[in-house]
Amino acid sequence: MFVTTASSKGSKILHVNWIGIVAAITTFISSLVPWWTMTVAHRWLDSGFRGDLFIYLYRVEFVSLLESVEQTTMNLLYCWIAFAIILSAGSLILIGSMISKKSGKTVIIIAAVLALLSVVIFGAGLSIELSQVPPSPDLPQVGFLSSSSFTFMGMPYFNYSTYPTFGFWMALISAMLALASSIVHPILRKCLLCGNEVVRFSECLGCNLRTCMACAVDNHWKCPKCKCNLVRRK
């Protein structure tokens, strides 16, 4: 999907890959929202407690009904690396979507790979971080995607669950959107008759002369050089 804006003379000004633009926006939003959540709940008799630990790419925050506290005890190096990569991916997708040439398509593909790389780095880094937490005889090892519950004297006492959340999945979606946009990315080709750069063109079956649609219609779909038929191309 793309949009063409033309001047009064009919020449090209801008071709925008809108799927790429959506992918870039999704990428930037993913960098601002949590990528992983740990939900904990404690209950005993009539009292209870519930809280959520959110890991962003730039901070860690624990939120409960009583307070919101920013945590700084975790090693966030892998988060900062993923943060830099996902921002670079979003910028490259945006730039590539504005370049209506093969180089623009290449830039978008590279950006999609970077978005996937940020997801891998975050998942691997957090898994390593969690594996380094000292084990407790009463609690299982917390993983990247895990859950468990405990009872005391036959009554529910404590439970938790961990899972990747909004930012993680949005980064994956943005990578897939970027790859999809690279497939339909508009690539401009120069008409050998009038010199205009166009996305849709016709080509001679005999001498491979490439012309824009306007020139093809003006020549009644006949090549002005060898008089062979002109065939519509995409």
Protein backbone atom coordinates (compact mmCIF):
# COMPACT_ATOMS: atom_id res chain seq x y z
CA MET A 1 0.00 0.00 0.00
CA PHE A 2 1.47 3.33 -0.97
CA VAL A 3 0.40 6.85 -1.90
CA THR A 4 1.65 8.94 -4.78
CA THR A 5 1.73 12.73 -4.74
CA ALA A 6 2.34 14.42 -8.07
CA SER A 7 3.02 17.96 -9.27
CA SER A 8 0.96 19.81 -11.86
CA LYS A 9 3.31 18.52 -14.61
CA GLY A 10 2.59 14.94 -13.63
CA SER A 11 6.07 14.17 -12.30
CA LYS A 12 6.67 12.19 -9.14
CA ILE A 13 7.23 13.97 -5.82
CA LEU A 14 6.72 11.31 -3.18
CA HIS A 15 5.78 7.65 -2.87
CA VAL A 16 5.04 6.56 0.69
CA ASN A 17 4.88 2.96 1.87
CA TRP A 18 2.09 3.26 4.43
CA ILE A 19 2.46 -0.28 5.75
CA GLY A 20 6.03 0.66 6.57
CA ILE A 21 4.87 3.84 8.29
CA VAL A 22 2.48 1.80 10.47
CA ALA A 23 5.31 -0.62 11.26
CA ALA A 24 7.57 2.28 12.30
CA ILE A 25 4.89 3.77 14.58
CA THR A 26 4.27 0.34 16.14
CA THR A 27 8.00 -0.03 16.73
CA PHE A 28 8.29 3.33 18.49
CA ILE A 29 5.25 2.62 20.68
CA SER A 30 6.69 -0.77 21.64
CA SER A 31 9.78 0.95 23.04
CA LEU A 32 7.66 2.96 25.50
CA VAL A 33 5.45 0.26 27.04
CA PRO A 34 6.34 -2.72 29.30
CA TRP A 35 7.93 -5.78 27.69
CA TRP A 36 7.56 -8.21 30.59
CA THR A 37 5.33 -8.53 33.64
CA MET A 38 5.42 -10.50 36.86
CA THR A 39 2.14 -10.57 38.76
CA VAL A 40 2.26 -11.66 42.41
CA ALA A 41 -0.60 -12.18 44.82
CA HIS A 42 -0.51 -13.05 48.52
CA ARG A 43 -3.57 -13.97 50.53
CA TRP A 44 -4.09 -15.16 54.07
CA LEU A 45 -7.50 -15.37 55.70
CA ASP A 46 -9.22 -12.02 55.10
CA SER A 47 -6.12 -10.05 54.16
CA GLY A 48 -4.30 -10.00 50.85
CA PHE A 49 -1.84 -8.23 48.60
CA ARG A 50 -1.41 -7.96 44.83
CA GLY A 51 1.28 -6.29 42.78
CA ASP A 52 2.82 -6.20 39.30
CA LEU A 53 6.47 -5.90 38.35
CA PHE A 54 6.82 -4.24 34.94
CA ILE A 55 10.06 -4.30 32.98
CA TYR A 56 10.37 -1.56 30.37
CA LEU A 57 13.40 -1.25 28.11
CA TYR A 58 14.55 1.72 30.19
CA ARG A 59 13.29 1.06 33.73
CA VAL A 60 11.74 -1.46 36.12
CA GLU A 61 8.62 -0.55 38.09
CA PHE A 62 6.64 -2.32 40.78
CA VAL A 63 2.99 -1.28 41.01
CA SER A 64 0.48 -2.24 43.70
CA LEU A 65 -2.79 -0.79 44.97
CA LEU A 66 -0.85 1.16 47.57
CA GLU A 67 2.15 2.50 45.69
CA SER A 68 4.25 2.63 42.57
CA VAL A 69 7.97 2.20 43.13
CA GLU A 70 10.73 2.32 40.52
CA GLN A 71 13.19 -0.54 41.00
CA THR A 72 16.91 -0.17 40.24
CA THR A 73 18.39 -3.43 41.57
CA MET A 74 18.18 -5.35 38.27
CA ASN A 75 20.86 -5.31 35.60
CA LEU A 76 19.27 -3.44 32.70
CA LEU A 77 22.18 -3.63 30.23
CA TYR A 78 20.30 -6.02 27.93
CA CYS A 79 17.27 -3.72 28.13
CA TRP A 80 19.28 -0.68 27.06
CA ILE A 81 20.81 -2.64 24.18
CA ALA A 82 17.36 -3.79 23.03
CA PHE A 83 16.09 -0.21 23.49
CA ALA A 84 18.80 1.21 21.22
CA ILE A 85 18.21 -1.49 18.61
CA ILE A 86 14.41 -1.12 18.52
CA LEU A 87 14.69 2.66 18.17
CA SER A 88 17.17 2.18 15.33
CA ALA A 89 14.78 -0.30 13.71
CA GLY A 90 11.88 2.14 13.90
CA SER A 91 13.97 4.95 12.42
CA LEU A 92 15.20 2.75 9.57
CA ILE A 93 11.69 1.53 8.76
CA LEU A 94 10.51 5.15 8.61
CA ILE A 95 13.41 6.19 6.38
CA GLY A 96 13.09 3.15 4.13
CA SER A 97 9.36 3.76 3.68
CA MET A 98 10.18 7.17 2.21
CA ILE A 99 12.74 5.84 -0.30
CA SER A 100 10.95 4.53 -3.39
CA LYS A 101 13.90 2.52 -4.65
CA LYS A 102 15.43 -0.91 -4.07
CA SER A 103 17.64 0.66 -1.40
CA GLY A 104 14.50 1.60 0.56
CA LYS A 105 13.30 -2.00 0.46
CA THR A 106 16.71 -3.18 1.66
CA VAL A 107 16.66 -0.70 4.55
CA ILE A 108 13.23 -1.95 5.64
CA ILE A 109 14.37 -5.58 5.60
CA ILE A 110 17.43 -4.70 7.70
CA ALA A 111 15.17 -2.83 10.14
CA ALA A 112 12.86 -5.86 10.44
CA VAL A 113 15.86 -8.04 11.31
CA LEU A 114 16.93 -5.49 13.94
CA ALA A 115 13.43 -5.51 15.48
CA LEU A 116 13.58 -9.29 15.76
CA LEU A 117 17.09 -9.04 17.19
CA SER A 118 15.88 -6.70 19.95
CA VAL A 119 13.25 -9.28 20.94
CA VAL A 120 15.87 -12.04 21.06
CA ILE A 121 18.30 -9.92 23.10
CA PHE A 122 15.60 -8.95 25.59
CA GLY A 123 14.32 -12.51 26.01
CA ALA A 124 17.80 -14.00 26.34
CA GLY A 125 19.04 -11.24 28.66
CA LEU A 126 16.06 -11.46 30.99
CA SER A 127 16.22 -15.26 31.08
CA ILE A 128 19.87 -15.08 32.11
CA GLU A 129 19.06 -12.41 34.70
CA LEU A 130 16.30 -14.55 36.21
CA SER A 131 18.50 -17.65 36.25
CA GLN A 132 21.03 -15.81 38.41
CA VAL A 133 18.49 -15.18 41.20
CA PRO A 134 19.56 -17.29 44.22
CA PRO A 135 17.21 -20.30 44.55
CA SER A 136 14.92 -20.62 47.54
CA PRO A 137 13.87 -23.97 49.02
CA ASP A 138 10.28 -22.73 49.33
CA LEU A 139 9.96 -21.04 45.92
CA PRO A 140 10.62 -22.37 42.39
CA GLN A 141 12.93 -20.67 39.93
CA VAL A 142 11.10 -17.82 38.19
CA GLY A 143 11.36 -18.02 34.40
CA PHE A 144 10.63 -15.82 31.41
CA LEU A 145 7.23 -17.49 31.04
CA SER A 146 6.17 -19.27 34.21
CA SER A 147 3.55 -19.47 36.94
CA SER A 148 3.05 -21.26 40.25
CA SER A 149 0.96 -21.17 43.40
CA PHE A 150 1.50 -22.25 47.00
CA THR A 151 -0.72 -23.22 49.90
CA PHE A 152 -0.22 -23.02 53.62
CA MET A 153 -2.22 -25.28 55.92
CA GLY A 154 -4.37 -26.24 52.95
CA MET A 155 -5.28 -22.64 52.09
CA PRO A 156 -4.14 -20.46 49.16
CA TYR A 157 -1.17 -18.44 50.31
CA PHE A 158 0.90 -17.08 47.41
CA ASN A 159 0.88 -17.26 43.60
CA TYR A 160 2.70 -15.60 40.76
CA SER A 161 2.83 -15.56 36.96
CA THR A 162 5.34 -14.13 34.50
CA TYR A 163 4.81 -13.40 30.82
CA PRO A 164 5.97 -11.11 27.98
CA THR A 165 3.57 -8.25 27.51
CA PHE A 166 2.63 -5.36 25.20
CA GLY A 167 6.03 -4.05 24.05
CA PHE A 168 7.43 -7.52 23.38
CA TRP A 169 4.53 -8.53 21.14
CA MET A 170 4.34 -5.13 19.44
CA ALA A 171 8.01 -5.43 18.48
CA LEU A 172 7.29 -8.81 16.89
CA ILE A 173 4.26 -7.39 15.07
CA SER A 174 6.28 -4.41 13.81
CA ALA A 175 8.93 -6.78 12.43
CA MET A 176 6.28 -8.78 10.56
CA LEU A 177 4.66 -5.58 9.26
CA ALA A 178 8.05 -4.36 8.08
CA LEU A 179 8.66 -7.60 6.19
CA ALA A 180 5.18 -7.36 4.65
CA SER A 181 5.81 -3.75 3.63
CA SER A 182 9.07 -4.75 1.94
CA ILE A 183 7.11 -7.09 -0.33
CA VAL A 184 4.81 -4.32 -1.58
CA HIS A 185 7.40 -1.54 -1.37
CA PRO A 186 7.08 0.83 -4.39
CA ILE A 187 10.19 0.85 -6.58
CA LEU A 188 10.44 3.68 -9.10
CA ARG A 189 11.66 3.01 -12.64
CA LYS A 190 12.49 5.60 -15.26
CA CYS A 191 10.44 5.83 -18.46
CA LEU A 192 12.90 5.71 -21.38
CA LEU A 193 10.66 7.93 -23.50
CA CYS A 194 9.55 10.82 -21.28
CA GLY A 195 12.04 10.41 -18.41
CA ASN A 196 9.44 10.30 -15.64
CA GLU A 197 9.96 7.89 -12.74
CA VAL A 198 6.96 5.60 -12.22
CA VAL A 199 5.99 2.54 -10.21
CA ARG A 200 3.78 0.92 -12.85
CA PHE A 201 5.24 0.66 -16.33
CA SER A 202 5.01 -1.21 -19.62
CA GLU A 203 7.76 -3.11 -21.40
CA CYS A 204 8.38 -4.01 -25.02
CA LEU A 205 8.38 -7.74 -25.79
CA GLY A 206 11.00 -7.23 -28.48
CA CYS A 207 13.62 -4.72 -27.33
CA ASN A 208 12.65 -4.50 -23.63
CA LEU A 209 12.04 -0.77 -23.89
CA ARG A 210 10.50 0.45 -20.61
CA THR A 211 7.84 3.16 -20.76
CA CYS A 212 5.30 4.71 -18.43
CA MET A 213 1.62 3.97 -18.91
CA ALA A 214 0.95 7.41 -20.39
CA CYS A 215 3.56 6.87 -23.11
CA ALA A 216 2.24 3.37 -23.77
CA VAL A 217 -1.28 4.74 -24.31
CA ASP A 218 0.04 7.58 -26.51
CA ASN A 219 1.79 4.99 -28.73
CA HIS A 220 -1.27 2.70 -28.77
CA TRP A 221 0.63 0.01 -26.86
CA LYS A 222 3.19 -0.31 -29.67
CA CYS A 223 6.92 0.15 -29.16
CA PRO A 224 8.06 3.31 -31.03
CA LYS A 225 11.41 1.64 -31.78
CA CYS A 226 10.63 -1.89 -33.00
CA LYS A 227 6.82 -1.71 -33.24
CA CYS A 228 6.36 -4.78 -31.02
CA ASN A 229 3.58 -4.90 -28.46
CA LEU A 230 4.01 -3.23 -25.09
CA VAL A 231 3.04 -5.35 -22.07
CA ARG A 232 1.89 -3.94 -18.75
CA ARG A 233 4.30 -4.61 -15.90
CA LYS A 234 4.15 -3.96 -12.17
